[in-house]
Amino acid sequence: MLEQSADSEAMHDEDEMDLSGLYWTPPGQMQREDAHKNLLDAIAGRRPDQVKLFSASAFEIPSAFPAGFFDVAIDMATLEACGVYRAYRDHNDYATKPEWFSSKLKDTDEIFSEVYNRLIKSGFFDWHFQGKRPEEPVDQGTTSHGR
């Protein structure tokens, strides 16, 4: 990107923005009945009064095309979190396999970032958006209508 200096010379911006990947809306609380089966299975056995569920809509950069959702469970007692990337395709509700991790000292948006970064490292988004094979197995649990 070019910027203009005080003496009208064109300058290159040293911190060019990465216009790839996903961004998401601010997370909002989600009800259990709206959670995907994979996330419900992950929180089974945990006390319902100490697990909070959140969801955020995901969009592709730079097109702003709706890409899916990130759904996250946070166990407030154990300070652990897990999440799934979820997408609706051909009348099916697909979600990745959740993986628990420590959520100590993290706010909700940082937890969503952690879920996203773990999926990037697994190769999921190479597979999902570009048709490449993921380096690690991806659970593509599917259900109709959210369960």
N, C-alpha and C. Protein backbone atom coordinates (compact mmCIF):
# COMPACT_ATOMS: atom_id res chain seq x y z
N MET A 1 0.85 -1.16 0.00
CA MET A 1 0.00 0.00 0.00
C MET A 1 0.90 1.23 0.00
N LEU A 2 0.49 2.24 -0.71
CA LEU A 2 1.27 3.47 -0.77
C LEU A 2 0.65 4.53 0.12
N GLU A 3 1.49 5.26 0.79
CA GLU A 3 1.06 6.41 1.57
C GLU A 3 1.78 7.63 1.05
N GLN A 4 1.33 8.78 1.42
CA GLN A 4 1.97 10.01 0.98
C GLN A 4 2.67 10.66 2.16
N SER A 5 3.94 11.02 1.98
CA SER A 5 4.69 11.67 3.06
C SER A 5 4.33 13.15 3.10
N ALA A 6 4.86 13.83 4.11
CA ALA A 6 4.58 15.26 4.28
C ALA A 6 5.09 16.07 3.09
N ASP A 7 6.15 15.61 2.41
CA ASP A 7 6.67 16.34 1.25
C ASP A 7 6.16 15.75 -0.06
N SER A 8 5.03 15.07 -0.02
CA SER A 8 4.31 14.54 -1.19
C SER A 8 5.03 13.42 -1.92
N GLU A 9 5.95 12.72 -1.26
CA GLU A 9 6.59 11.55 -1.87
C GLU A 9 5.77 10.31 -1.54
N ALA A 10 5.68 9.40 -2.50
CA ALA A 10 4.99 8.14 -2.26
C ALA A 10 5.86 7.26 -1.37
N MET A 11 5.25 6.67 -0.37
CA MET A 11 5.97 5.79 0.56
C MET A 11 5.23 4.46 0.64
N HIS A 12 5.97 3.37 0.79
CA HIS A 12 5.35 2.06 0.99
C HIS A 12 5.05 1.87 2.46
N ASP A 13 3.86 1.37 2.74
CA ASP A 13 3.48 1.06 4.11
C ASP A 13 4.22 -0.21 4.51
N GLU A 14 5.00 -0.14 5.58
CA GLU A 14 5.79 -1.30 6.00
C GLU A 14 4.93 -2.40 6.59
N ASP A 15 3.79 -2.05 7.12
CA ASP A 15 2.91 -3.03 7.74
C ASP A 15 1.73 -3.33 6.83
N GLU A 16 2.00 -3.96 5.69
CA GLU A 16 0.92 -4.30 4.76
C GLU A 16 -0.02 -5.29 5.43
N MET A 17 -1.29 -5.13 5.19
CA MET A 17 -2.28 -6.01 5.78
C MET A 17 -2.35 -7.33 5.02
N ASP A 18 -2.52 -8.41 5.76
CA ASP A 18 -2.73 -9.72 5.16
C ASP A 18 -4.22 -9.82 4.83
N LEU A 19 -4.53 -9.89 3.56
CA LEU A 19 -5.93 -9.94 3.14
C LEU A 19 -6.35 -11.36 2.78
N SER A 20 -6.01 -12.30 3.64
CA SER A 20 -6.44 -13.68 3.44
C SER A 20 -6.98 -14.21 4.76
N GLY A 21 -7.70 -15.30 4.69
CA GLY A 21 -8.22 -15.91 5.90
C GLY A 21 -9.64 -15.50 6.20
N LEU A 22 -9.97 -15.49 7.48
CA LEU A 22 -11.32 -15.19 7.94
C LEU A 22 -11.31 -14.11 9.00
N TYR A 23 -12.42 -13.44 9.12
CA TYR A 23 -12.67 -12.59 10.28
C TYR A 23 -14.05 -12.95 10.79
N TRP A 24 -14.37 -12.57 12.01
CA TRP A 24 -15.66 -12.94 12.57
C TRP A 24 -16.28 -11.78 13.34
N THR A 25 -17.59 -11.88 13.50
CA THR A 25 -18.34 -10.87 14.23
C THR A 25 -18.03 -10.99 15.72
N PRO A 26 -18.35 -9.98 16.51
CA PRO A 26 -18.18 -10.13 17.96
C PRO A 26 -19.00 -11.33 18.45
N PRO A 27 -18.41 -12.17 19.30
CA PRO A 27 -19.13 -13.34 19.79
C PRO A 27 -20.34 -12.96 20.64
N GLY A 28 -21.40 -13.73 20.47
CA GLY A 28 -22.60 -13.57 21.29
C GLY A 28 -22.94 -14.89 21.94
N GLN A 29 -23.63 -14.84 23.07
CA GLN A 29 -24.00 -16.08 23.75
C GLN A 29 -24.97 -16.89 22.90
N MET A 30 -24.86 -18.21 23.02
CA MET A 30 -25.65 -19.14 22.23
C MET A 30 -26.37 -20.10 23.19
N GLN A 31 -27.56 -20.51 22.84
CA GLN A 31 -28.32 -21.48 23.63
C GLN A 31 -27.89 -22.90 23.24
N ARG A 32 -28.01 -23.83 24.18
CA ARG A 32 -27.63 -25.22 23.92
C ARG A 32 -28.36 -25.81 22.72
N GLU A 33 -29.63 -25.48 22.56
CA GLU A 33 -30.39 -26.08 21.45
C GLU A 33 -29.88 -25.62 20.09
N ASP A 34 -29.08 -24.56 20.06
CA ASP A 34 -28.51 -24.07 18.80
C ASP A 34 -27.12 -24.63 18.52
N ALA A 35 -26.56 -25.36 19.48
CA ALA A 35 -25.20 -25.89 19.34
C ALA A 35 -25.18 -27.13 18.45
N HIS A 36 -24.07 -27.32 17.74
CA HIS A 36 -23.88 -28.51 16.90
C HIS A 36 -23.65 -29.72 17.80
N LYS A 37 -24.00 -30.89 17.30
CA LYS A 37 -23.83 -32.14 18.05
C LYS A 37 -22.38 -32.32 18.50
N ASN A 38 -21.41 -31.97 17.66
CA ASN A 38 -20.00 -32.14 18.04
C ASN A 38 -19.66 -31.32 19.29
N LEU A 39 -20.18 -30.10 19.38
CA LEU A 39 -19.92 -29.27 20.55
C LEU A 39 -20.69 -29.80 21.76
N LEU A 40 -21.92 -30.24 21.55
CA LEU A 40 -22.70 -30.82 22.65
C LEU A 40 -22.03 -32.07 23.20
N ASP A 41 -21.48 -32.90 22.31
CA ASP A 41 -20.75 -34.10 22.77
C ASP A 41 -19.53 -33.71 23.60
N ALA A 42 -18.86 -32.63 23.21
CA ALA A 42 -17.66 -32.20 23.92
C ALA A 42 -17.97 -31.69 25.33
N ILE A 43 -19.15 -31.12 25.52
CA ILE A 43 -19.48 -30.57 26.84
C ILE A 43 -20.30 -31.55 27.68
N ALA A 44 -20.65 -32.70 27.11
CA ALA A 44 -21.40 -33.70 27.87
C ALA A 44 -20.58 -34.10 29.10
N GLY A 45 -21.24 -34.19 30.23
CA GLY A 45 -20.55 -34.55 31.47
C GLY A 45 -20.05 -33.35 32.26
N ARG A 46 -20.06 -32.19 31.65
CA ARG A 46 -19.70 -30.97 32.37
C ARG A 46 -20.97 -30.32 32.89
N ARG A 47 -20.87 -29.65 34.00
CA ARG A 47 -22.05 -29.03 34.60
C ARG A 47 -22.58 -27.91 33.71
N PRO A 48 -23.85 -27.99 33.31
CA PRO A 48 -24.43 -26.98 32.42
C PRO A 48 -24.36 -25.56 32.97
N ASP A 49 -24.41 -25.42 34.29
CA ASP A 49 -24.40 -24.07 34.87
C ASP A 49 -23.02 -23.42 34.83
N GLN A 50 -21.98 -24.19 34.51
CA GLN A 50 -20.65 -23.59 34.45
C GLN A 50 -20.07 -23.53 33.04
N VAL A 51 -20.81 -24.01 32.04
CA VAL A 51 -20.36 -23.96 30.65
C VAL A 51 -21.17 -22.89 29.91
N LYS A 52 -20.45 -21.94 29.32
CA LYS A 52 -21.10 -20.90 28.52
C LYS A 52 -20.80 -21.17 27.05
N LEU A 53 -21.80 -20.97 26.21
CA LEU A 53 -21.66 -21.19 24.77
C LEU A 53 -21.73 -19.85 24.05
N PHE A 54 -20.85 -19.71 23.04
CA PHE A 54 -20.79 -18.49 22.25
C PHE A 54 -20.72 -18.84 20.78
N SER A 55 -21.18 -17.92 19.94
CA SER A 55 -21.12 -18.12 18.49
C SER A 55 -20.77 -16.80 17.81
N ALA A 56 -20.08 -16.90 16.68
CA ALA A 56 -19.75 -15.72 15.87
C ALA A 56 -19.80 -16.12 14.40
N SER A 57 -20.33 -15.26 13.58
CA SER A 57 -20.36 -15.50 12.13
C SER A 57 -18.99 -15.22 11.54
N ALA A 58 -18.56 -16.09 10.62
CA ALA A 58 -17.24 -15.95 9.98
C ALA A 58 -17.41 -15.52 8.53
N PHE A 59 -16.49 -14.67 8.08
CA PHE A 59 -16.52 -14.14 6.71
C PHE A 59 -15.13 -14.23 6.11
N GLU A 60 -15.07 -14.46 4.79
CA GLU A 60 -13.79 -14.52 4.09
C GLU A 60 -13.23 -13.11 3.92
N ILE A 61 -11.90 -13.03 3.98
CA ILE A 61 -11.20 -11.78 3.69
C ILE A 61 -10.66 -11.92 2.28
N PRO A 62 -10.71 -11.01 1.37
CA PRO A 62 -11.27 -9.66 1.47
C PRO A 62 -12.70 -9.56 0.94
N SER A 63 -13.29 -10.68 0.50
CA SER A 63 -14.59 -10.61 -0.18
C SER A 63 -15.76 -10.34 0.76
N ALA A 64 -15.61 -10.60 2.04
CA ALA A 64 -16.67 -10.50 3.04
C ALA A 64 -17.79 -11.50 2.76
N PHE A 65 -17.47 -12.57 2.02
CA PHE A 65 -18.45 -13.62 1.74
C PHE A 65 -18.70 -14.42 3.01
N PRO A 66 -19.96 -14.69 3.37
CA PRO A 66 -20.24 -15.50 4.56
C PRO A 66 -19.62 -16.89 4.42
N ALA A 67 -18.81 -17.29 5.39
CA ALA A 67 -18.08 -18.55 5.29
C ALA A 67 -18.58 -19.62 6.25
N GLY A 68 -19.19 -19.24 7.34
CA GLY A 68 -19.63 -20.21 8.33
C GLY A 68 -19.71 -19.55 9.70
N PHE A 69 -19.46 -20.37 10.72
CA PHE A 69 -19.56 -19.89 12.09
C PHE A 69 -18.46 -20.50 12.94
N PHE A 70 -18.08 -19.81 13.98
CA PHE A 70 -17.26 -20.37 15.04
C PHE A 70 -18.17 -20.48 16.26
N ASP A 71 -18.30 -21.67 16.81
CA ASP A 71 -19.05 -21.89 18.04
C ASP A 71 -18.08 -22.37 19.11
N VAL A 72 -18.17 -21.79 20.29
CA VAL A 72 -17.20 -22.05 21.35
C VAL A 72 -17.92 -22.37 22.66
N ALA A 73 -17.36 -23.31 23.42
CA ALA A 73 -17.82 -23.61 24.77
C ALA A 73 -16.70 -23.23 25.73
N ILE A 74 -17.05 -22.53 26.79
CA ILE A 74 -16.07 -22.15 27.81
C ILE A 74 -16.54 -22.71 29.15
N ASP A 75 -15.70 -23.56 29.75
CA ASP A 75 -15.99 -24.10 31.08
C ASP A 75 -15.42 -23.12 32.09
N MET A 76 -16.29 -22.37 32.75
CA MET A 76 -15.87 -21.30 33.65
C MET A 76 -15.22 -21.85 34.92
N ALA A 77 -15.51 -23.10 35.29
CA ALA A 77 -14.94 -23.69 36.50
C ALA A 77 -13.52 -24.19 36.27
N THR A 78 -13.29 -24.84 35.12
CA THR A 78 -11.97 -25.41 34.86
C THR A 78 -11.08 -24.48 34.03
N LEU A 79 -11.65 -23.37 33.56
CA LEU A 79 -10.93 -22.42 32.69
C LEU A 79 -10.39 -23.11 31.44
N GLU A 80 -11.26 -23.92 30.84
CA GLU A 80 -10.94 -24.59 29.58
C GLU A 80 -11.97 -24.16 28.53
N ALA A 81 -11.57 -24.25 27.27
CA ALA A 81 -12.47 -23.90 26.18
C ALA A 81 -12.25 -24.87 25.02
N CYS A 82 -13.27 -24.99 24.20
CA CYS A 82 -13.14 -25.73 22.95
C CYS A 82 -14.08 -25.08 21.95
N GLY A 83 -13.86 -25.36 20.69
CA GLY A 83 -14.71 -24.74 19.70
C GLY A 83 -14.72 -25.52 18.40
N VAL A 84 -15.68 -25.17 17.57
CA VAL A 84 -15.82 -25.79 16.26
C VAL A 84 -15.99 -24.70 15.21
N TYR A 85 -15.57 -25.03 14.00
CA TYR A 85 -15.93 -24.24 12.83
C TYR A 85 -17.09 -24.98 12.20
N ARG A 86 -18.11 -24.25 11.85
CA ARG A 86 -19.37 -24.85 11.42
C ARG A 86 -19.82 -24.21 10.11
N ALA A 87 -20.30 -25.03 9.19
CA ALA A 87 -20.79 -24.51 7.91
C ALA A 87 -21.98 -25.35 7.46
N TYR A 88 -22.92 -24.68 6.83
CA TYR A 88 -24.09 -25.36 6.27
C TYR A 88 -23.86 -25.53 4.77
N ARG A 89 -23.93 -26.77 4.31
CA ARG A 89 -23.76 -27.07 2.89
C ARG A 89 -24.77 -28.15 2.50
N ASP A 90 -25.47 -27.93 1.41
CA ASP A 90 -26.41 -28.93 0.89
C ASP A 90 -27.37 -29.44 1.97
N HIS A 91 -27.92 -28.55 2.74
CA HIS A 91 -28.90 -28.87 3.80
C HIS A 91 -28.30 -29.69 4.93
N ASN A 92 -26.99 -29.72 5.05
CA ASN A 92 -26.32 -30.39 6.16
C ASN A 92 -25.58 -29.37 7.00
N ASP A 93 -25.45 -29.68 8.27
CA ASP A 93 -24.77 -28.83 9.23
C ASP A 93 -23.44 -29.51 9.58
N TYR A 94 -22.34 -29.04 9.00
CA TYR A 94 -21.03 -29.64 9.22
C TYR A 94 -20.28 -28.88 10.31
N ALA A 95 -19.49 -29.61 11.10
CA ALA A 95 -18.65 -28.96 12.11
C ALA A 95 -17.38 -29.77 12.30
N THR A 96 -16.31 -29.08 12.64
CA THR A 96 -15.05 -29.75 12.95
C THR A 96 -15.15 -30.40 14.32
N LYS A 97 -14.15 -31.18 14.65
CA LYS A 97 -14.09 -31.82 15.96
C LYS A 97 -13.52 -30.83 16.97
N PRO A 98 -14.19 -30.62 18.11
CA PRO A 98 -13.66 -29.69 19.11
C PRO A 98 -12.47 -30.28 19.86
N GLU A 99 -11.60 -29.40 20.32
CA GLU A 99 -10.42 -29.79 21.08
C GLU A 99 -10.31 -28.84 22.27
N TRP A 100 -10.25 -29.40 23.48
CA TRP A 100 -10.18 -28.57 24.69
C TRP A 100 -8.78 -27.99 24.85
N PHE A 101 -8.71 -26.77 25.34
CA PHE A 101 -7.44 -26.10 25.65
C PHE A 101 -7.66 -25.14 26.81
N SER A 102 -6.58 -24.71 27.44
CA SER A 102 -6.67 -23.78 28.57
C SER A 102 -7.13 -22.41 28.10
N SER A 103 -8.09 -21.85 28.81
CA SER A 103 -8.57 -20.51 28.46
C SER A 103 -8.20 -19.50 29.53
N LYS A 104 -7.25 -19.87 30.40
CA LYS A 104 -6.81 -18.97 31.47
C LYS A 104 -6.34 -17.65 30.91
N LEU A 105 -6.77 -16.57 31.51
CA LEU A 105 -6.34 -15.21 31.16
C LEU A 105 -6.66 -14.83 29.72
N LYS A 106 -7.65 -15.46 29.12
CA LYS A 106 -8.02 -15.12 27.75
C LYS A 106 -9.45 -14.58 27.74
N ASP A 107 -9.67 -13.54 26.95
CA ASP A 107 -11.05 -13.08 26.79
C ASP A 107 -11.71 -13.89 25.67
N THR A 108 -12.99 -13.68 25.48
CA THR A 108 -13.75 -14.49 24.52
C THR A 108 -13.18 -14.39 23.11
N ASP A 109 -12.81 -13.19 22.66
CA ASP A 109 -12.28 -13.06 21.31
C ASP A 109 -10.94 -13.78 21.16
N GLU A 110 -10.11 -13.78 22.20
CA GLU A 110 -8.84 -14.52 22.14
C GLU A 110 -9.10 -16.02 22.05
N ILE A 111 -10.15 -16.49 22.70
CA ILE A 111 -10.50 -17.91 22.62
C ILE A 111 -10.93 -18.26 21.19
N PHE A 112 -11.72 -17.40 20.57
CA PHE A 112 -12.11 -17.63 19.17
C PHE A 112 -10.87 -17.64 18.27
N SER A 113 -9.92 -16.75 18.52
CA SER A 113 -8.67 -16.73 17.75
C SER A 113 -7.90 -18.02 17.93
N GLU A 114 -7.89 -18.56 19.14
CA GLU A 114 -7.19 -19.82 19.40
C GLU A 114 -7.82 -20.96 18.61
N VAL A 115 -9.14 -21.03 18.58
CA VAL A 115 -9.82 -22.07 17.78
C VAL A 115 -9.44 -21.92 16.31
N TYR A 116 -9.50 -20.70 15.80
CA TYR A 116 -9.14 -20.43 14.40
C TYR A 116 -7.70 -20.84 14.11
N ASN A 117 -6.77 -20.44 14.98
CA ASN A 117 -5.35 -20.76 14.77
C ASN A 117 -5.09 -22.26 14.82
N ARG A 118 -5.77 -22.97 15.69
CA ARG A 118 -5.61 -24.43 15.75
C ARG A 118 -6.11 -25.09 14.46
N LEU A 119 -7.19 -24.56 13.90
CA LEU A 119 -7.70 -25.11 12.64
C LEU A 119 -6.76 -24.79 11.47
N ILE A 120 -6.15 -23.62 11.49
CA ILE A 120 -5.16 -23.28 10.46
C ILE A 120 -3.99 -24.27 10.54
N LYS A 121 -3.47 -24.49 11.75
CA LYS A 121 -2.34 -25.41 11.93
C LYS A 121 -2.68 -26.83 11.49
N SER A 122 -3.94 -27.24 11.64
CA SER A 122 -4.33 -28.60 11.25
C SER A 122 -4.44 -28.75 9.74
N GLY A 123 -4.45 -27.62 9.01
CA GLY A 123 -4.62 -27.67 7.57
C GLY A 123 -6.08 -27.66 7.14
N PHE A 124 -6.99 -27.49 8.09
CA PHE A 124 -8.41 -27.55 7.77
C PHE A 124 -8.82 -26.53 6.72
N PHE A 125 -8.36 -25.30 6.83
CA PHE A 125 -8.83 -24.28 5.90
C PHE A 125 -8.23 -24.45 4.51
N ASP A 126 -7.04 -25.06 4.39
CA ASP A 126 -6.52 -25.42 3.07
C ASP A 126 -7.47 -26.40 2.40
N TRP A 127 -7.93 -27.35 3.19
CA TRP A 127 -8.85 -28.36 2.67
C TRP A 127 -10.22 -27.74 2.38
N HIS A 128 -10.74 -26.98 3.33
CA HIS A 128 -12.11 -26.47 3.23
C HIS A 128 -12.28 -25.47 2.10
N PHE A 129 -11.35 -24.55 1.96
CA PHE A 129 -11.50 -23.48 0.97
C PHE A 129 -10.77 -23.74 -0.34
N GLN A 130 -9.71 -24.55 -0.31
CA GLN A 130 -8.90 -24.71 -1.51
C GLN A 130 -8.89 -26.14 -2.04
N GLY A 131 -9.60 -27.04 -1.40
CA GLY A 131 -9.67 -28.41 -1.88
C GLY A 131 -8.42 -29.22 -1.65
N LYS A 132 -7.47 -28.72 -0.84
CA LYS A 132 -6.26 -29.48 -0.55
C LYS A 132 -6.55 -30.46 0.58
N ARG A 133 -5.67 -31.43 0.72
CA ARG A 133 -5.83 -32.43 1.78
C ARG A 133 -5.23 -31.90 3.08
N PRO A 134 -5.96 -31.99 4.21
CA PRO A 134 -5.39 -31.53 5.48
C PRO A 134 -4.25 -32.43 5.93
N GLU A 135 -3.30 -31.85 6.66
CA GLU A 135 -2.17 -32.63 7.16
C GLU A 135 -2.61 -33.56 8.29
N GLU A 136 -3.62 -33.16 9.05
CA GLU A 136 -4.10 -33.95 10.17
C GLU A 136 -5.55 -34.34 9.90
N PRO A 137 -6.01 -35.42 10.51
CA PRO A 137 -7.40 -35.81 10.28
C PRO A 137 -8.37 -34.72 10.72
N VAL A 138 -9.43 -34.56 9.96
CA VAL A 138 -10.46 -33.58 10.29
C VAL A 138 -11.77 -34.35 10.45
N ASP A 139 -12.40 -34.19 11.61
CA ASP A 139 -13.70 -34.81 11.84
C ASP A 139 -14.75 -33.93 11.20
N GLN A 140 -15.43 -34.48 10.22
CA GLN A 140 -16.46 -33.72 9.54
C GLN A 140 -17.81 -34.21 9.99
N GLY A 141 -18.02 -34.23 11.29
CA GLY A 141 -19.31 -34.65 11.82
C GLY A 141 -20.41 -33.87 11.14
N THR A 142 -21.41 -34.54 10.68
CA THR A 142 -22.50 -33.87 9.99
C THR A 142 -23.81 -34.27 10.61
N THR A 143 -24.69 -33.34 10.68
CA THR A 143 -26.04 -33.61 11.15
C THR A 143 -26.98 -32.74 10.33
N SER A 144 -28.21 -33.09 10.34
CA SER A 144 -29.20 -32.24 9.69
C SER A 144 -29.84 -31.35 10.74
N HIS A 145 -30.01 -30.11 10.42
CA HIS A 145 -30.69 -29.14 11.27
C HIS A 145 -30.04 -29.00 12.64
N GLY A 146 -28.70 -29.04 12.72
CA GLY A 146 -28.01 -28.73 13.96
C GLY A 146 -27.82 -29.88 14.91
N ARG A 147 -28.37 -31.04 14.65
CA ARG A 147 -28.15 -32.15 15.60
C ARG A 147 -28.00 -33.45 14.90
